[in-house]
Amino acid sequence: MKTISLKIEDQIFLETETILSKHKKPRNRYINEALDFYNKLQQREILKAKLKKSSLLVREDNLEVLKEFENLNDDF
């Protein structure tokens, strides 16, 4: 486990302390869970961007294949 020094805005700190007092959870555990959640959220956003980029790259090819299939149906 790593030790870090962290500067937190006063309002965020007060909100966090209020929540912690109600949940009886150690501050360290709460911050670790928050970072874990945020990391997973960011990973999803990165994956979303990659999928969007890939989708746009193959869109033209997909339209071309679709037109070919439509032409095959016209021949029958």
Foldseek 3Di string as FASTA:
>chain_A
DDDDDDDDDPVVVVVLVVVCVVVVDDPVVVVVVVVVVVVVVVVVVVVVVVVVVVCVVCVVVVVVVVVVVVVVVVVD
